[in-house]
Amino acid sequence: MRFQDIQKMAKGMGINTYRMKKMHIIHAIQRKENNIECFGTDRADHCEEQGCLWRSDCLSFKKDVKAK
């Protein structure tokens, strides 16, 4: 999902995204929805949440972090 779309979603939930990185915005959205703040964490290695909105971004983010 595009960064601007994530910001728009967060702002619609009343989350101030000023100077926040993508991962932190997604964590704030997950927290607001009473979900586990798992985006980009080690939990992604064992994720079974096929319907998660963030799944594809999360797995590619996690893969990029491991490559570094």
PDB file of N, CA and C in Angstrom:
ATOM      1  N   MET A   1       0.843  -1.169   0.000  1.00  0.00           N
ATOM      2  CA  MET A   1       0.000   0.000   0.000  1.00  0.00           C
ATOM      3  C   MET A   1       0.893   1.238   0.000  1.00  0.00           C
ATOM      4  N   ARG A   2       0.460   2.235  -0.720  1.00  0.00           N
ATOM      5  CA  ARG A   2       1.242   3.468  -0.807  1.00  0.00           C
ATOM      6  C   ARG A   2       1.252   4.218   0.521  1.00  0.00           C
ATOM      7  N   PHE A   3       2.360   4.881   0.788  1.00  0.00           N
ATOM      8  CA  PHE A   3       2.538   5.626   2.029  1.00  0.00           C
ATOM      9  C   PHE A   3       1.419   6.649   2.230  1.00  0.00           C
ATOM     10  N   GLN A   4       1.060   7.361   1.156  1.00  0.00           N
ATOM     11  CA  GLN A   4       0.019   8.379   1.254  1.00  0.00           C
ATOM     12  C   GLN A   4      -1.329   7.755   1.632  1.00  0.00           C
ATOM     13  N   ASP A   5      -1.605   6.557   1.123  1.00  0.00           N
ATOM     14  CA  ASP A   5      -2.852   5.868   1.466  1.00  0.00           C
ATOM     15  C   ASP A   5      -2.871   5.461   2.940  1.00  0.00           C
ATOM     16  N   ILE A   6      -1.719   5.028   3.433  1.00  0.00           N
ATOM     17  CA  ILE A   6      -1.612   4.645   4.844  1.00  0.00           C
ATOM     18  C   ILE A   6      -1.800   5.870   5.727  1.00  0.00           C
ATOM     19  N   GLN A   7      -1.180   6.985   5.346  1.00  0.00           N
ATOM     20  CA  GLN A   7      -1.345   8.229   6.109  1.00  0.00           C
ATOM     21  C   GLN A   7      -2.807   8.656   6.133  1.00  0.00           C
ATOM     22  N   LYS A   8      -3.464   8.581   4.993  1.00  0.00           N
ATOM     23  CA  LYS A   8      -4.870   8.976   4.894  1.00  0.00           C
ATOM     24  C   LYS A   8      -5.732   8.094   5.797  1.00  0.00           C
ATOM     25  N   MET A   9      -5.469   6.794   5.792  1.00  0.00           N
ATOM     26  CA  MET A   9      -6.212   5.865   6.633  1.00  0.00           C
ATOM     27  C   MET A   9      -6.014   6.224   8.108  1.00  0.00           C
ATOM     28  N   ALA A  10      -4.758   6.469   8.482  1.00  0.00           N
ATOM     29  CA  ALA A  10      -4.436   6.803   9.869  1.00  0.00           C
ATOM     30  C   ALA A  10      -5.116   8.107  10.291  1.00  0.00           C
ATOM     31  N   LYS A  11      -5.040   9.106   9.443  1.00  0.00           N
ATOM     32  CA  LYS A  11      -5.664  10.390   9.771  1.00  0.00           C
ATOM     33  C   LYS A  11      -7.170  10.239   9.935  1.00  0.00           C
ATOM     34  N   GLY A  12      -7.778   9.353   9.130  1.00  0.00           N
ATOM     35  CA  GLY A  12      -9.205   9.080   9.258  1.00  0.00           C
ATOM     36  C   GLY A  12      -9.554   8.419  10.581  1.00  0.00           C
ATOM     37  N   MET A  13      -8.563   7.831  11.225  1.00  0.00           N
ATOM     38  CA  MET A  13      -8.759   7.187  12.529  1.00  0.00           C
ATOM     39  C   MET A  13      -8.345   8.121  13.672  1.00  0.00           C
ATOM     40  N   GLY A  14      -7.946   9.348  13.324  1.00  0.00           N
ATOM     41  CA  GLY A  14      -7.545  10.310  14.338  1.00  0.00           C
ATOM     42  C   GLY A  14      -6.104  10.172  14.786  1.00  0.00           C
ATOM     43  N   ILE A  15      -5.272   9.530  13.984  1.00  0.00           N
ATOM     44  CA  ILE A  15      -3.868   9.328  14.330  1.00  0.00           C
ATOM     45  C   ILE A  15      -3.032  10.432  13.672  1.00  0.00           C
ATOM     46  N   ASN A  16      -2.230  11.115  14.475  1.00  0.00           N
ATOM     47  CA  ASN A  16      -1.335  12.140  13.959  1.00  0.00           C
ATOM     48  C   ASN A  16      -0.105  11.451  13.380  1.00  0.00           C
ATOM     49  N   THR A  17       0.123  11.592  12.084  1.00  0.00           N
ATOM     50  CA  THR A  17       1.220  10.892  11.411  1.00  0.00           C
ATOM     51  C   THR A  17       2.438  11.775  11.166  1.00  0.00           C
ATOM     52  N   TYR A  18       2.440  12.961  11.721  1.00  0.00           N
ATOM     53  CA  TYR A  18       3.543  13.888  11.485  1.00  0.00           C
ATOM     54  C   TYR A  18       4.879  13.261  11.869  1.00  0.00           C
ATOM     55  N   ARG A  19       5.798  13.238  10.913  1.00  0.00           N
ATOM     56  CA  ARG A  19       7.163  12.723  11.071  1.00  0.00           C
ATOM     57  C   ARG A  19       7.241  11.231  11.423  1.00  0.00           C
ATOM     58  N   MET A  20       6.182  10.501  11.168  1.00  0.00           N
ATOM     59  CA  MET A  20       6.186   9.073  11.468  1.00  0.00           C
ATOM     60  C   MET A  20       6.599   8.287  10.235  1.00  0.00           C
ATOM     61  N   LYS A  21       7.354   7.225  10.453  1.00  0.00           N
ATOM     62  CA  LYS A  21       7.734   6.324   9.379  1.00  0.00           C
ATOM     63  C   LYS A  21       6.579   5.352   9.143  1.00  0.00           C
ATOM     64  N   LYS A  22       6.604   4.735   7.965  1.00  0.00           N
ATOM     65  CA  LYS A  22       5.543   3.820   7.561  1.00  0.00           C
ATOM     66  C   LYS A  22       5.257   2.760   8.626  1.00  0.00           C
ATOM     67  N   MET A  23       6.293   2.115   9.122  1.00  0.00           N
ATOM     68  CA  MET A  23       6.119   1.055  10.099  1.00  0.00           C
ATOM     69  C   MET A  23       5.418   1.567  11.356  1.00  0.00           C
ATOM     70  N   HIS A  24       5.778   2.740  11.813  1.00  0.00           N
ATOM     71  CA  HIS A  24       5.187   3.293  13.023  1.00  0.00           C
ATOM     72  C   HIS A  24       3.732   3.714  12.808  1.00  0.00           C
ATOM     73  N   ILE A  25       3.418   4.183  11.622  1.00  0.00           N
ATOM     74  CA  ILE A  25       2.027   4.517  11.309  1.00  0.00           C
ATOM     75  C   ILE A  25       1.178   3.248  11.318  1.00  0.00           C
ATOM     76  N   ILE A  26       1.691   2.194  10.689  1.00  0.00           N
ATOM     77  CA  ILE A  26       0.951   0.926  10.657  1.00  0.00           C
ATOM     78  C   ILE A  26       0.786   0.375  12.066  1.00  0.00           C
ATOM     79  N   HIS A  27       1.815   0.467  12.884  1.00  0.00           N
ATOM     80  CA  HIS A  27       1.696   0.020  14.280  1.00  0.00           C
ATOM     81  C   HIS A  27       0.616   0.823  15.010  1.00  0.00           C
ATOM     82  N   ALA A  28       0.552   2.116  14.757  1.00  0.00           N
ATOM     83  CA  ALA A  28      -0.465   2.957  15.394  1.00  0.00           C
ATOM     84  C   ALA A  28      -1.868   2.548  14.942  1.00  0.00           C
ATOM     85  N   ILE A  29      -2.009   2.222  13.664  1.00  0.00           N
ATOM     86  CA  ILE A  29      -3.296   1.749  13.151  1.00  0.00           C
ATOM     87  C   ILE A  29      -3.655   0.414  13.797  1.00  0.00           C
ATOM     88  N   GLN A  30      -2.692  -0.497  13.863  1.00  0.00           N
ATOM     89  CA  GLN A  30      -2.941  -1.794  14.487  1.00  0.00           C
ATOM     90  C   GLN A  30      -3.352  -1.617  15.955  1.00  0.00           C
ATOM     91  N   ARG A  31      -2.680  -0.727  16.651  1.00  0.00           N
ATOM     92  CA  ARG A  31      -2.990  -0.456  18.058  1.00  0.00           C
ATOM     93  C   ARG A  31      -4.407   0.116  18.191  1.00  0.00           C
ATOM     94  N   LYS A  32      -4.750   1.062  17.313  1.00  0.00           N
ATOM     95  CA  LYS A  32      -6.071   1.696  17.335  1.00  0.00           C
ATOM     96  C   LYS A  32      -7.177   0.670  17.086  1.00  0.00           C
ATOM     97  N   GLU A  33      -6.876  -0.341  16.265  1.00  0.00           N
ATOM     98  CA  GLU A  33      -7.844  -1.397  15.956  1.00  0.00           C
ATOM     99  C   GLU A  33      -7.821  -2.534  16.986  1.00  0.00           C
ATOM    100  N   ASN A  34      -7.046  -2.354  18.040  1.00  0.00           N
ATOM    101  CA  ASN A  34      -6.880  -3.382  19.086  1.00  0.00           C
ATOM    102  C   ASN A  34      -6.308  -4.683  18.536  1.00  0.00           C
ATOM    103  N   ASN A  35      -5.393  -4.550  17.597  1.00  0.00           N
ATOM    104  CA  ASN A  35      -4.674  -5.695  17.047  1.00  0.00           C
ATOM    105  C   ASN A  35      -3.238  -5.680  17.554  1.00  0.00           C
ATOM    106  N   ILE A  36      -2.561  -6.780  17.387  1.00  0.00           N
ATOM    107  CA  ILE A  36      -1.150  -6.877  17.770  1.00  0.00           C
ATOM    108  C   ILE A  36      -0.326  -6.011  16.819  1.00  0.00           C
ATOM    109  N   GLU A  37       0.611  -5.264  17.372  1.00  0.00           N
ATOM    110  CA  GLU A  37       1.495  -4.412  16.561  1.00  0.00           C
ATOM    111  C   GLU A  37       2.614  -5.288  15.997  1.00  0.00           C
ATOM    112  N   CYS A  38       2.297  -6.038  14.953  1.00  0.00           N
ATOM    113  CA  CYS A  38       3.228  -7.049  14.472  1.00  0.00           C
ATOM    114  C   CYS A  38       3.919  -6.687  13.155  1.00  0.00           C
ATOM    115  N   PHE A  39       3.489  -5.629  12.490  1.00  0.00           N
ATOM    116  CA  PHE A  39       4.062  -5.280  11.190  1.00  0.00           C
ATOM    117  C   PHE A  39       5.580  -5.169  11.263  1.00  0.00           C
ATOM    118  N   GLY A  40       6.266  -5.938  10.424  1.00  0.00           N
ATOM    119  CA  GLY A  40       7.725  -5.857  10.323  1.00  0.00           C
ATOM    120  C   GLY A  40       8.492  -6.457  11.484  1.00  0.00           C
ATOM    121  N   THR A  41       7.812  -7.132  12.381  1.00  0.00           N
ATOM    122  CA  THR A  41       8.496  -7.737  13.530  1.00  0.00           C
ATOM    123  C   THR A  41       8.824  -9.201  13.222  1.00  0.00           C
ATOM    124  N   ASP A  42       9.504  -9.848  14.149  1.00  0.00           N
ATOM    125  CA  ASP A  42       9.855 -11.259  13.974  1.00  0.00           C
ATOM    126  C   ASP A  42       8.628 -12.152  13.865  1.00  0.00           C
ATOM    127  N   ARG A  43       7.513 -11.677  14.355  1.00  0.00           N
ATOM    128  CA  ARG A  43       6.263 -12.427  14.255  1.00  0.00           C
ATOM    129  C   ARG A  43       5.897 -12.715  12.790  1.00  0.00           C
ATOM    130  N   ALA A  44       6.341 -11.884  11.870  1.00  0.00           N
ATOM    131  CA  ALA A  44       6.050 -12.060  10.446  1.00  0.00           C
ATOM    132  C   ALA A  44       6.612 -13.373   9.903  1.00  0.00           C
ATOM    133  N   ASP A  45       7.659 -13.878  10.529  1.00  0.00           N
ATOM    134  CA  ASP A  45       8.256 -15.140  10.083  1.00  0.00           C
ATOM    135  C   ASP A  45       7.311 -16.321  10.262  1.00  0.00           C
ATOM    136  N   HIS A  46       6.323 -16.165  11.130  1.00  0.00           N
ATOM    137  CA  HIS A  46       5.398 -17.261  11.438  1.00  0.00           C
ATOM    138  C   HIS A  46       3.947 -16.834  11.251  1.00  0.00           C
ATOM    139  N   CYS A  47       3.712 -15.823  10.441  1.00  0.00           N
ATOM    140  CA  CYS A  47       2.384 -15.244  10.281  1.00  0.00           C
ATOM    141  C   CYS A  47       1.437 -16.184   9.537  1.00  0.00           C
ATOM    142  N   GLU A  48       0.272 -16.364  10.099  1.00  0.00           N
ATOM    143  CA  GLU A  48      -0.783 -17.186   9.501  1.00  0.00           C
ATOM    144  C   GLU A  48      -1.977 -16.333   9.079  1.00  0.00           C
ATOM    145  N   GLU A  49      -1.877 -15.029   9.242  1.00  0.00           N
ATOM    146  CA  GLU A  49      -2.985 -14.114   8.957  1.00  0.00           C
ATOM    147  C   GLU A  49      -3.073 -13.816   7.457  1.00  0.00           C
ATOM    148  N   GLN A  50      -3.708 -14.701   6.715  1.00  0.00           N
ATOM    149  CA  GLN A  50      -3.803 -14.565   5.258  1.00  0.00           C
ATOM    150  C   GLN A  50      -4.629 -13.346   4.834  1.00  0.00           C
ATOM    151  N   GLY A  51      -5.588 -12.934   5.648  1.00  0.00           N
ATOM    152  CA  GLY A  51      -6.458 -11.822   5.300  1.00  0.00           C
ATOM    153  C   GLY A  51      -5.984 -10.466   5.787  1.00  0.00           C
ATOM    154  N   CYS A  52      -4.788 -10.400   6.330  1.00  0.00           N
ATOM    155  CA  CYS A  52      -4.270  -9.145   6.880  1.00  0.00           C
ATOM    156  C   CYS A  52      -4.035  -8.113   5.769  1.00  0.00           C
ATOM    157  N   LEU A  53      -4.495  -6.918   6.003  1.00  0.00           N
ATOM    158  CA  LEU A  53      -4.326  -5.818   5.050  1.00  0.00           C
ATOM    159  C   LEU A  53      -2.856  -5.511   4.783  1.00  0.00           C
ATOM    160  N   TRP A  54      -2.009  -5.731   5.755  1.00  0.00           N
ATOM    161  CA  TRP A  54      -0.598  -5.369   5.675  1.00  0.00           C
ATOM    162  C   TRP A  54       0.303  -6.531   5.245  1.00  0.00           C
ATOM    163  N   ARG A  55      -0.228  -7.710   5.054  1.00  0.00           N
ATOM    164  CA  ARG A  55       0.562  -8.924   4.849  1.00  0.00           C
ATOM    165  C   ARG A  55       1.648  -8.783   3.778  1.00  0.00           C
ATOM    166  N   SER A  56       1.299  -8.394   2.579  1.00  0.00           N
ATOM    167  CA  SER A  56       2.305  -8.340   1.503  1.00  0.00           C
ATOM    168  C   SER A  56       3.393  -7.313   1.810  1.00  0.00           C
ATOM    169  N   ASP A  57       2.996  -6.136   2.302  1.00  0.00           N
ATOM    170  CA  ASP A  57       3.990  -5.120   2.678  1.00  0.00           C
ATOM    171  C   ASP A  57       4.861  -5.612   3.824  1.00  0.00           C
ATOM    172  N   CYS A  58       4.246  -6.271   4.785  1.00  0.00           N
ATOM    173  CA  CYS A  58       4.963  -6.750   5.964  1.00  0.00           C
ATOM    174  C   CYS A  58       6.017  -7.786   5.582  1.00  0.00           C
ATOM    175  N   LEU A  59       5.607  -8.757   4.792  1.00  0.00           N
ATOM    176  CA  LEU A  59       6.544  -9.811   4.408  1.00  0.00           C
ATOM    177  C   LEU A  59       7.693  -9.270   3.557  1.00  0.00           C
ATOM    178  N   SER A  60       7.399  -8.331   2.649  1.00  0.00           N
ATOM    179  CA  SER A  60       8.481  -7.760   1.838  1.00  0.00           C
ATOM    180  C   SER A  60       9.370  -6.857   2.696  1.00  0.00           C
ATOM    181  N   PHE A  61       8.796  -6.129   3.650  1.00  0.00           N
ATOM    182  CA  PHE A  61       9.562  -5.293   4.569  1.00  0.00           C
ATOM    183  C   PHE A  61      10.501  -6.161   5.396  1.00  0.00           C
ATOM    184  N   LYS A  62       9.965  -7.237   5.923  1.00  0.00           N
ATOM    185  CA  LYS A  62      10.761  -8.145   6.748  1.00  0.00           C
ATOM    186  C   LYS A  62      11.892  -8.766   5.933  1.00  0.00           C
ATOM    187  N   LYS A  63      11.592  -9.114   4.685  1.00  0.00           N
ATOM    188  CA  LYS A  63      12.599  -9.688   3.796  1.00  0.00           C
ATOM    189  C   LYS A  63      13.720  -8.672   3.520  1.00  0.00           C
ATOM    190  N   ASP A  64      13.347  -7.411   3.294  1.00  0.00           N
ATOM    191  CA  ASP A  64      14.343  -6.363   3.042  1.00  0.00           C
ATOM    192  C   ASP A  64      15.225  -6.128   4.261  1.00  0.00           C
ATOM    193  N   VAL A  65      14.649  -6.187   5.439  1.00  0.00           N
ATOM    194  CA  VAL A  65      15.414  -5.971   6.674  1.00  0.00           C
ATOM    195  C   VAL A  65      16.407  -7.105   6.867  1.00  0.00           C
ATOM    196  N   LYS A  66      16.003  -8.325   6.583  1.00  0.00           N
ATOM    197  CA  LYS A  66      16.894  -9.465   6.740  1.00  0.00           C
ATOM    198  C   LYS A  66      18.063  -9.416   5.746  1.00  0.00           C
ATOM    199  N   ALA A  67      17.809  -8.851   4.553  1.00  0.00           N
ATOM    200  CA  ALA A  67      18.842  -8.787   3.518  1.00  0.00           C
ATOM    201  C   ALA A  67      19.951  -7.813   3.880  1.00  0.00           C
ATOM    202  N   LYS A  68      19.662  -6.876   4.758  1.00  0.00           N
ATOM    203  CA  LYS A  68      20.654  -5.842   5.112  1.00  0.00           C
ATOM    204  C   LYS A  68      21.682  -6.356   6.073  1.00  0.00           C
TER     205      LYS A  68
END
